[in-house]
Protein backbone atom coordinates (compact mmCIF):
# COMPACT_ATOMS: atom_id res chain seq x y z
CA MET A 1 28.36 167.66 49.24
CA ALA A 2 31.13 169.73 50.84
CA PRO A 3 34.38 168.00 51.89
CA ILE A 4 34.19 166.60 55.43
CA HIS A 5 36.37 168.47 57.89
CA PRO A 6 38.94 166.00 59.30
CA TRP A 7 38.14 167.12 62.85
CA PHE A 8 34.79 165.32 62.63
CA GLY A 9 36.61 162.08 61.85
CA ASP A 10 35.76 159.21 59.53
CA LEU A 11 32.00 159.38 58.98
CA ALA A 12 31.65 155.99 57.32
CA ARG A 13 27.98 154.96 57.36
CA ASP A 14 28.53 151.32 58.29
CA HIS A 15 25.59 151.06 60.68
CA ALA A 16 21.99 151.45 59.63
CA PRO A 17 19.20 151.94 62.16
CA VAL A 18 17.00 148.98 63.00
CA TRP A 19 14.00 151.33 63.03
CA SER A 20 12.44 152.90 59.97
CA VAL A 21 12.67 156.63 59.32
CA ARG A 22 8.98 156.93 60.25
CA GLN A 23 9.56 155.12 63.55
CA ILE A 24 12.47 157.42 64.43
CA ARG A 25 10.51 160.53 63.50
CA ASP A 26 7.44 159.49 65.50
CA ALA A 27 9.56 158.56 68.54
CA LEU A 28 11.39 161.91 68.50
CA VAL A 29 8.12 163.83 68.21
CA ARG A 30 6.65 161.82 71.10
CA GLU A 31 9.64 162.01 73.45
CA LEU A 32 10.45 165.67 72.79
CA ARG A 33 6.84 166.86 72.78
CA ASP A 34 7.26 169.05 75.87
CA CYS A 35 10.72 170.42 75.07
CA GLY A 36 9.74 173.11 72.59
CA THR A 37 11.90 171.37 70.00
CA ARG A 38 10.85 172.01 66.38
CA LEU A 39 10.07 168.55 65.07
CA GLU A 40 6.47 168.07 64.03
CA GLN A 41 6.52 170.54 61.14
CA ASP A 42 10.10 169.97 60.00
CA GLN A 43 12.50 167.36 58.76
CA VAL A 44 14.05 165.58 61.72
CA PRO A 45 17.49 164.04 62.16
CA VAL A 46 17.51 160.27 61.85
CA GLU A 47 20.93 159.97 63.48
CA PRO A 48 22.97 161.88 66.06
CA PHE A 49 26.05 163.89 65.17
CA VAL A 50 28.76 161.23 65.59
CA ILE A 51 32.32 162.55 65.81
CA ALA A 52 35.76 161.04 66.39
CA ARG A 53 36.55 159.95 69.95
CA ALA A 54 39.56 162.28 70.18
CA SER A 55 37.48 165.23 68.95
CA TYR A 56 34.67 164.48 71.39
CA LEU A 57 37.08 164.41 74.33
CA GLU A 58 38.83 167.56 73.07
CA LEU A 59 35.56 169.48 73.42
CA TYR A 60 35.40 168.76 77.16
CA ALA A 61 39.11 169.22 77.81
CA ALA A 62 39.15 172.61 76.09
CA THR A 63 35.91 173.64 77.79
CA ARG A 64 37.33 172.82 81.22
CA LYS A 65 40.57 174.72 80.59
CA LEU A 66 38.85 177.79 79.15
CA LEU A 67 36.24 177.85 81.91
CA ASP A 68 39.03 177.83 84.47
CA LEU A 69 40.76 180.68 82.63
CA ILE A 70 37.52 182.68 82.47
CA HIS A 71 37.01 182.12 86.18
CA ARG A 72 40.56 183.27 86.99
CA THR A 73 40.17 186.29 84.72
CA VAL A 74 37.05 187.62 86.45
CA ARG A 75 38.56 187.05 89.89
CA ALA A 76 41.74 188.83 88.85
CA GLU A 77 39.88 191.94 87.72
CA ALA A 78 38.86 192.84 91.28
CA PRO A 79 38.70 191.17 94.70
CA THR A 80 35.11 192.24 95.36
CA LEU A 81 31.77 191.82 93.63
CA GLY A 82 31.41 195.59 93.27
CA GLY A 83 34.80 195.84 91.62
CA ARG A 84 33.98 193.04 89.18
CA LEU A 85 30.69 194.69 88.21
CA ALA A 86 32.51 197.96 87.65
CA ALA A 87 35.15 196.26 85.48
CA LEU A 88 32.38 194.79 83.33
CA GLY A 89 30.68 198.17 83.09
CA VAL A 90 27.59 197.00 84.97
CA ASP A 91 25.68 199.49 87.11
CA PRO A 92 24.49 197.60 90.23
CA ALA A 93 21.34 199.75 90.21
CA CYS A 94 20.31 198.63 86.72
CA GLY A 95 18.69 195.46 88.02
CA GLU A 96 20.40 193.20 85.50
CA TYR A 97 21.70 190.91 88.25
CA PRO A 98 19.01 191.01 90.98
CA LEU A 99 19.70 187.79 92.86
CA PHE A 100 23.06 188.14 94.56
CA SER A 101 23.17 186.37 97.90
CA THR A 102 24.94 187.06 101.17
CA ASN A 103 24.56 183.43 102.24
CA ASP A 104 27.84 182.09 103.66
CA GLY A 105 30.01 183.34 100.80
CA LEU A 106 27.76 181.67 98.25
CA GLU A 107 28.67 184.13 95.51
CA ASP A 108 32.30 182.97 95.66
CA HIS A 109 31.37 179.28 95.43
CA PHE A 110 29.87 177.14 92.69
CA TRP A 111 29.77 180.01 90.18
CA SER A 112 31.50 177.85 87.58
CA ALA A 113 29.52 174.73 88.51
CA MET A 114 27.50 174.56 85.28
CA ALA A 115 28.68 175.73 81.88
CA ARG A 116 27.91 175.18 78.22
CA PRO A 117 29.96 176.98 75.58
CA ASP A 118 28.86 177.38 71.98
CA ILE A 119 31.46 176.14 69.50
CA VAL A 120 31.75 176.10 65.72
CA ILE A 121 34.26 174.05 63.78
CA GLY A 122 36.32 176.47 61.72
CA PRO A 123 39.17 175.74 59.30
CA ASP A 124 41.54 175.03 62.21
CA GLY A 125 39.07 173.16 64.43
CA PRO A 126 36.91 174.20 67.41
CA GLN A 127 36.31 177.90 68.02
CA PHE A 128 34.50 178.99 71.19
CA ILE A 129 32.20 181.84 70.18
CA GLU A 130 30.56 182.27 73.60
CA PHE A 131 30.29 180.72 77.06
CA ASN A 132 26.99 180.13 78.83
CA VAL A 133 27.61 179.79 82.56
CA SER A 134 24.38 179.20 84.44
CA GLY A 135 21.86 176.57 85.45
CA ALA A 136 19.50 177.77 82.72
CA ILE A 137 21.28 176.02 79.87
CA CYS A 138 19.30 174.18 77.23
CA GLY A 139 20.58 170.72 76.50
CA PRO A 140 20.29 168.35 79.48
CA ALA A 141 16.69 167.27 78.87
CA GLU A 142 16.89 167.55 75.09
CA THR A 143 20.00 165.40 74.80
CA TYR A 144 18.48 162.86 77.21
CA PHE A 145 15.52 162.31 74.87
CA PHE A 146 17.58 162.31 71.68
CA ASN A 147 19.95 159.77 73.22
CA LYS A 148 17.06 157.61 74.35
CA VAL A 149 15.50 157.47 70.87
CA PHE A 150 18.69 157.05 68.85
CA THR A 151 20.14 154.40 71.14
CA GLU A 152 17.03 152.24 70.72
CA ALA A 153 16.73 153.04 67.01
CA TYR A 154 20.27 151.75 66.44
CA GLY A 155 19.88 148.49 68.35
CA GLY A 156 20.19 149.36 72.03
CA PRO A 157 23.04 150.35 74.37
CA GLU A 158 25.34 147.48 73.41
CA ALA A 159 24.80 147.63 69.64
CA ALA A 160 24.57 151.35 68.87
CA PRO A 161 27.75 152.57 67.10
CA PHE A 162 28.05 155.63 69.33
CA THR A 163 28.32 156.56 72.99
CA GLY A 164 28.52 159.68 75.12
CA TYR A 165 28.33 161.39 78.48
CA HIS A 166 25.07 162.42 80.15
CA ALA A 167 23.92 165.46 82.11
CA PHE A 168 21.62 163.93 84.73
CA PRO A 169 24.27 161.75 86.42
CA ALA A 170 26.73 164.66 86.48
CA ARG A 171 24.18 167.00 88.06
CA ALA A 172 23.17 164.39 90.65
CA ASP A 173 26.86 163.85 91.50
CA LEU A 174 27.28 167.60 92.00
CA PHE A 175 24.25 167.82 94.28
CA GLU A 176 25.47 164.83 96.30
CA ALA A 177 28.85 166.48 96.76
CA ILE A 178 27.29 169.79 97.86
CA CYS A 179 24.98 168.05 100.35
CA ALA A 180 27.90 166.10 101.79
CA GLN A 181 30.17 169.16 102.01
CA ARG A 182 27.53 171.36 103.61
CA GLY A 183 25.81 168.78 105.80
CA LEU A 184 22.49 169.23 103.99
CA PRO A 185 19.69 166.68 103.68
CA LYS A 186 19.61 164.90 100.36
CA SER A 187 16.90 167.07 98.85
CA VAL A 188 16.83 169.50 95.92
CA ALA A 189 14.27 171.71 94.21
CA LEU A 190 14.44 172.58 90.51
CA ILE A 191 13.24 176.18 90.18
CA GLY A 192 12.28 177.06 86.64
CA SER A 193 9.52 177.57 84.10
CA PRO A 194 8.68 175.61 80.95
CA LEU A 195 8.36 178.95 79.15
CA ASP A 196 12.10 179.52 79.63
CA HIS A 197 12.76 176.67 77.20
CA HIS A 198 9.80 177.24 74.86
CA ALA A 199 8.41 174.02 76.31
CA GLU A 200 4.80 172.96 76.59
CA GLY A 201 4.70 171.44 80.06
CA SER A 202 6.58 170.65 83.23
CA THR A 203 7.58 167.20 81.94
CA TYR A 204 10.65 169.00 80.59
CA PHE A 205 11.79 169.13 84.22
CA ASP A 206 9.98 166.05 85.49
CA VAL A 207 12.31 163.62 83.74
CA GLU A 208 15.27 164.99 85.73
CA VAL A 209 13.23 165.06 88.93
CA GLU A 210 12.51 161.35 88.46
CA TYR A 211 16.19 160.64 87.87
CA LEU A 212 17.17 162.50 91.05
CA ARG A 213 14.58 160.52 93.00
CA SER A 214 16.10 157.31 91.61
CA ARG A 215 19.40 158.50 93.13
CA GLY A 216 17.80 158.88 96.56
CA PHE A 217 16.95 162.60 96.50
CA ASP A 218 13.78 164.20 97.71
CA ALA A 219 13.36 166.22 94.52
CA ARG A 220 10.61 168.37 93.06
CA PHE A 221 10.05 170.95 90.32
CA VAL A 222 8.89 174.36 91.52
CA PRO A 223 7.61 177.04 89.08
CA PRO A 224 7.78 180.75 90.00
CA GLU A 225 4.12 180.98 91.00
CA GLU A 226 4.74 178.43 93.77
CA LEU A 227 7.55 180.39 95.41
CA PRO A 228 8.40 180.61 98.25
CA HIS A 229 5.78 178.28 99.73
CA GLY A 230 6.77 175.47 97.35
CA LEU A 231 9.97 175.10 99.37
CA GLY A 232 8.09 175.02 102.68
CA LEU A 233 8.31 178.73 103.51
CA PRO A 234 7.44 180.81 105.47
CA GLY A 235 7.77 177.97 107.95
CA ARG A 236 10.50 175.39 107.57
CA LEU A 237 12.84 175.47 104.55
CA ASP A 238 12.25 171.95 103.19
CA TYR A 239 14.69 172.34 100.31
CA PRO A 240 17.90 174.08 101.44
CA LEU A 241 19.45 173.31 98.03
CA ALA A 242 17.91 174.38 94.72
CA LEU A 243 18.91 174.47 91.07
CA ARG A 244 18.55 177.92 89.48
CA TYR A 245 17.11 176.56 86.25
CA PHE A 246 16.18 179.99 84.90
CA ALA A 247 17.77 183.19 83.64
CA THR A 248 16.80 186.29 85.58
CA ALA A 249 16.64 188.30 82.34
CA ASP A 250 14.03 185.92 80.89
CA TRP A 251 11.81 186.20 83.94
CA SER A 252 12.23 189.97 84.15
CA ASP A 253 11.41 190.37 80.44
CA ARG A 254 8.21 188.35 80.91
CA GLY A 255 7.21 190.27 84.01
CA VAL A 256 7.73 187.30 86.33
CA CYS A 257 8.11 188.55 89.89
CA LEU A 258 11.40 187.57 91.53
CA ASP A 259 10.21 188.24 95.08
CA GLY A 260 9.66 184.53 95.69
CA VAL A 261 13.23 183.72 94.67
CA ARG A 262 14.49 186.55 96.85
CA ALA A 263 12.56 185.12 99.81
CA VAL A 264 14.07 181.69 99.19
CA LEU A 265 17.57 183.15 99.12
CA ASP A 266 16.99 185.22 102.24
CA ALA A 267 15.76 182.11 104.05
CA GLY A 268 19.17 180.49 103.49
CA CYS A 269 18.51 178.34 100.44
CA LEU A 270 21.67 177.47 98.50
CA LEU A 271 20.66 178.47 94.97
CA VAL A 272 23.12 176.91 92.52
CA PRO A 273 24.58 178.31 90.34
CA PRO A 274 24.63 181.66 92.14
CA GLN A 275 24.07 184.99 90.42
CA SER A 276 27.83 185.48 90.07
CA SER A 277 27.87 182.81 87.36
CA SER A 278 26.35 185.46 85.10
CA LEU A 279 29.57 187.46 85.34
CA LEU A 280 31.51 184.58 83.82
CA ALA A 281 29.03 184.48 80.93
CA ASN A 282 29.54 188.16 80.09
CA LYS A 283 31.03 188.21 76.60
CA LYS A 284 33.43 191.01 77.54
CA VAL A 285 35.46 188.36 79.36
CA LEU A 286 36.19 186.64 76.03
CA GLY A 287 37.36 190.03 74.77
CA TRP A 288 39.70 190.35 77.73
CA LEU A 289 41.08 186.87 77.08
CA SER A 290 41.55 187.49 73.38
CA GLU A 291 43.34 190.76 74.02
CA GLY A 292 45.41 189.18 76.81
CA ARG A 293 45.96 190.00 80.44
CA PRO A 294 49.36 190.86 81.99
CA TRP A 295 49.23 187.90 84.37
CA MET A 296 48.56 185.30 81.63
CA ASP A 297 51.46 182.94 80.96
CA GLU A 298 52.45 181.38 77.63
CA ALA A 299 50.19 178.36 78.16
CA ASP A 300 47.19 180.63 78.84
CA ARG A 301 47.86 182.69 75.72
CA ALA A 302 48.36 179.59 73.58
CA LEU A 303 45.05 178.17 74.83
CA VAL A 304 43.20 181.35 73.87
CA GLN A 305 45.00 181.60 70.53
CA ARG A 306 43.97 178.03 69.73
CA TYR A 307 40.32 178.14 70.72
CA VAL A 308 38.97 181.72 70.88
CA PRO A 309 38.42 183.77 67.72
CA TRP A 310 39.73 187.35 67.75
CA THR A 311 37.37 189.25 70.07
CA ARG A 312 37.38 192.83 71.40
CA VAL A 313 35.18 195.04 73.56
CA VAL A 314 33.82 197.76 71.27
CA THR A 315 35.07 201.24 72.21
CA ASP A 316 35.93 204.30 70.15
CA ASP A 317 39.46 204.71 71.49
CA ARG A 318 40.57 201.13 70.99
CA LYS A 319 43.39 200.82 68.47
CA VAL A 320 43.74 197.66 66.40
CA THR A 321 45.68 196.60 63.32
CA ASP A 322 44.08 196.41 59.88
CA ALA A 323 44.82 193.88 57.12
CA ASP A 324 47.85 195.91 56.02
CA GLY A 325 49.31 195.95 59.53
CA LEU A 326 48.49 199.61 60.08
CA PRO A 327 46.99 200.97 63.32
CA VAL A 328 43.34 201.99 63.07
CA ARG A 329 40.50 202.71 65.48
CA LEU A 330 38.25 199.71 66.00
CA PRO A 331 34.99 201.31 64.73
CA GLN A 332 36.73 202.30 61.51
CA LEU A 333 37.98 198.75 60.96
CA LEU A 334 34.50 197.33 61.56
CA LYS A 335 32.88 199.69 59.07
CA THR A 336 35.42 199.06 56.32
CA ASP A 337 35.43 195.27 56.72
CA ARG A 338 32.02 194.38 58.15
CA LYS A 339 31.82 190.97 56.42
CA SER A 340 34.66 189.67 58.61
CA TYR A 341 32.96 190.37 61.95
CA VAL A 342 30.03 189.63 64.23
CA LEU A 343 28.67 192.21 66.70
CA LYS A 344 27.23 190.92 69.99
CA ARG A 345 25.77 192.49 73.09
CA ALA A 346 27.92 191.48 76.05
CA VAL A 347 24.94 190.30 78.10
CA GLY A 348 22.51 188.20 76.13
CA MET A 349 21.35 184.72 75.24
CA MET A 350 19.69 182.65 72.52
CA GLY A 351 21.25 184.70 69.73
CA ARG A 352 19.52 187.91 70.75
CA ASN A 353 21.33 191.16 69.91
CA VAL A 354 23.75 189.37 67.56
CA LEU A 355 24.44 190.87 64.14
CA ILE A 356 26.51 189.07 61.50
CA GLY A 357 28.25 191.64 59.31
CA ARG A 358 28.01 189.66 56.08
CA ASP A 359 24.24 189.31 56.54
CA ALA A 360 23.60 192.98 57.38
CA PRO A 361 23.16 195.94 55.00
CA ALA A 362 26.07 198.37 55.34
CA GLU A 363 23.87 201.17 56.71
CA HIS A 364 22.35 198.91 59.34
CA TRP A 365 25.78 197.62 60.35
CA ASP A 366 27.27 201.12 60.64
CA ARG A 367 24.40 202.27 62.85
CA ALA A 368 24.83 199.19 65.04
CA VAL A 369 28.58 199.87 65.41
CA ASP A 370 27.88 203.50 66.39
CA ALA A 371 25.30 202.36 68.95
CA ALA A 372 27.74 199.78 70.36
CA VAL A 373 30.41 202.46 70.78
CA ALA A 374 27.90 204.77 72.52
CA THR A 375 26.69 202.18 75.01
CA GLY A 376 29.98 200.36 75.64
CA ASP A 377 28.11 197.09 76.12
CA HIS A 378 29.08 195.12 73.00
CA ILE A 379 31.90 192.94 71.79
CA VAL A 380 32.96 192.22 68.24
CA GLN A 381 34.25 188.85 67.11
CA ARG A 382 35.87 187.67 63.91
CA PHE A 383 33.39 185.60 61.93
CA VAL A 384 34.22 181.89 61.79
CA GLU A 385 33.10 180.05 58.67
CA PRO A 386 31.60 176.81 60.02
CA ALA A 387 32.56 173.48 58.53
CA ALA A 388 29.75 171.41 57.05
CA TYR A 389 28.61 168.11 58.56
CA PRO A 390 26.74 165.65 56.30
CA LEU A 391 23.73 164.76 58.46
CA ARG A 392 21.00 162.33 57.52
CA ILE A 393 17.54 163.82 58.02
CA SER A 394 14.04 162.74 57.08
CA ASP A 395 12.16 164.11 54.14
CA GLU A 396 9.19 166.38 54.82
CA GLU A 397 6.79 163.43 54.93
CA GLY A 398 9.03 161.56 57.36
CA ASN A 399 9.23 158.42 55.25
CA ARG A 400 12.73 158.52 53.77
CA SER A 401 16.13 159.88 54.75
CA GLN A 402 18.37 162.20 52.81
CA GLN A 403 21.86 163.52 53.48
CA VAL A 404 22.36 167.29 53.70
CA ASP A 405 25.27 169.51 54.70
CA VAL A 406 24.50 171.43 57.89
CA ALA A 407 26.41 174.03 59.89
CA VAL A 408 26.34 172.84 63.48
CA VAL A 409 26.91 174.65 66.77
CA LEU A 410 28.34 172.23 69.33
CA SER A 411 27.61 172.83 73.01
CA PRO A 412 29.36 170.47 75.45
CA CYS A 413 28.10 170.70 79.02
CA LEU A 414 30.31 170.66 82.11
CA ILE A 415 28.51 170.13 85.40
CA GLY A 416 30.56 170.03 88.56
CA GLY A 417 33.61 169.81 86.31
CA ARG A 418 32.34 166.59 84.74
CA PRO A 419 31.57 166.00 81.06
CA ALA A 420 27.76 166.08 80.90
CA GLY A 421 26.68 165.49 77.31
CA CYS A 422 26.87 167.60 74.18
CA TYR A 423 23.95 169.50 72.67
CA GLY A 424 23.86 170.46 69.00
CA ARG A 425 21.87 172.94 66.91
CA TYR A 426 21.86 173.44 63.18
CA LEU A 427 19.94 174.88 60.26
CA THR A 428 18.44 172.42 57.80
CA SER A 429 19.23 174.87 54.98
CA GLY A 430 22.90 174.36 55.77
CA LEU A 431 23.41 178.12 55.78
CA PRO A 432 25.15 179.75 58.74
CA GLY A 433 23.13 182.19 60.80
CA VAL A 434 22.25 183.21 64.34
CA ILE A 435 21.30 179.68 65.35
CA GLY A 436 20.43 180.49 68.96
CA GLU A 437 17.59 182.82 68.01
CA PRO A 438 14.25 180.91 68.23
CA SER A 439 12.99 182.52 65.00
CA SER A 440 16.00 181.18 63.09
CA GLY A 441 14.33 177.81 62.60
CA ALA A 442 17.30 175.98 64.07
CA MET A 443 16.91 172.27 64.74
CA GLU A 444 18.37 170.34 67.66
CA ASN A 445 20.26 167.10 68.08
CA VAL A 446 22.78 165.36 70.30
CA ILE A 447 26.52 165.07 69.62
CA VAL A 448 28.15 161.78 70.58
CA SER A 449 31.41 159.91 70.19
CA GLU A 450 32.11 157.03 67.88
CA ARG A 451 32.10 153.76 69.81
CA LEU A 452 35.51 152.13 70.12
CA ASP A 453 36.73 148.94 71.77
CA THR A 454 37.64 150.94 74.88
CA PRO A 455 34.97 152.83 76.86
CA LEU A 456 34.98 156.59 77.34
CA PRO A 457 37.14 157.77 80.25
CA ALA A 458 35.17 158.01 83.49
CA ALA A 459 33.44 161.37 83.94
CA THR A 460 35.44 162.33 87.00
CA ALA A 461 34.96 165.62 88.80
CA HIS A 462 37.42 168.48 88.82
CA GLU A 463 37.42 171.12 91.50
CA VAL A 464 34.71 173.70 90.90
CA GLY A 465 36.19 177.17 91.38
CA SER A 466 35.65 178.90 94.68
């Protein structure tokens, strides 16, 4: 076993589950059956990722500060939407962002309302390798079910040796605040598709719908084929607030028509998060932060230096410094030292269009660098060697547990500025790779805090940028 990184904390195994490995495995398969989670044919975790309280809270504090900095950075690039698209190199006619709204300044509100970065633990601690800013973030339902099973498997809420924040309360709090601010009825529609999450059925969304109803909302799940009439149109708009629980790129790639969403927007529905949230998720923004902006102060630069690996937008004329401190063009550096870098398309998700230099043949890598230079739509990031976590998983039969070293990607959610649970993905082989890609075979889990004598700080809201 590899040495345990001190950031994870003391992983003493003082608490054993009260359930058997078979009971835990069967419960996870049952509860996560509609989430598209790979469990039935694979070894499953028999415990959550439990980390030190201070480390758990650091994830959310750093996420909040970096999200605010990302938000300020995009706003500072240009005062208008058109100017921001131009700065990011996006042609408005390309159709990549088809759902901008003109509804009461919606595009300048709530665009940082929901975020989930992807983080690896490098030699010096957390490193933010990308930022997902959208409503279509995996994690809320998955972590709900993992928490449910593990809490019961380890003796119930009062006995389990771990605790954590949760997404559903944070999202309900956000919706309540929006309804109160805007004078809207307490109703919300969740617009999405199970296919977006590789799920089998709508129960992926139904569990959150039921929670919202328990909080007094008139809530319902609406798939694309039921738009716009599922919200009451063309007559009365029954749901003036809706969660955009989908990525436009996913629906466009699958040939899903967006006319129903467009009709909902044009009827005045407040679709949260708005399309502008996608600008914050553009990976070029991390390149801008890493390179630095003239307006950034020392605290801003220190924050980026601490948490963001070296990142640059790939262009032919960009000059950087090589290992000997000599100036060199960026493409030349990437070709001479490919094993130190990762190439990523600026707009993408789930590990698509990500190439790890050390895993790529030199010829393939060089062609990819040339293509990135030609298109201007990629960033390059220094590779971060992930620290190993010793996780207990079941054997293939699901009868016994074994401890294996895994490389985990940690994804804390912020919803309405509140901590909202932490999603985790890993490879059972323990080898690093493009974990977000569905074909990678990555497994899922929840990341929680060790339980101490004092409870977690209250998940209070912070102002969502506008």
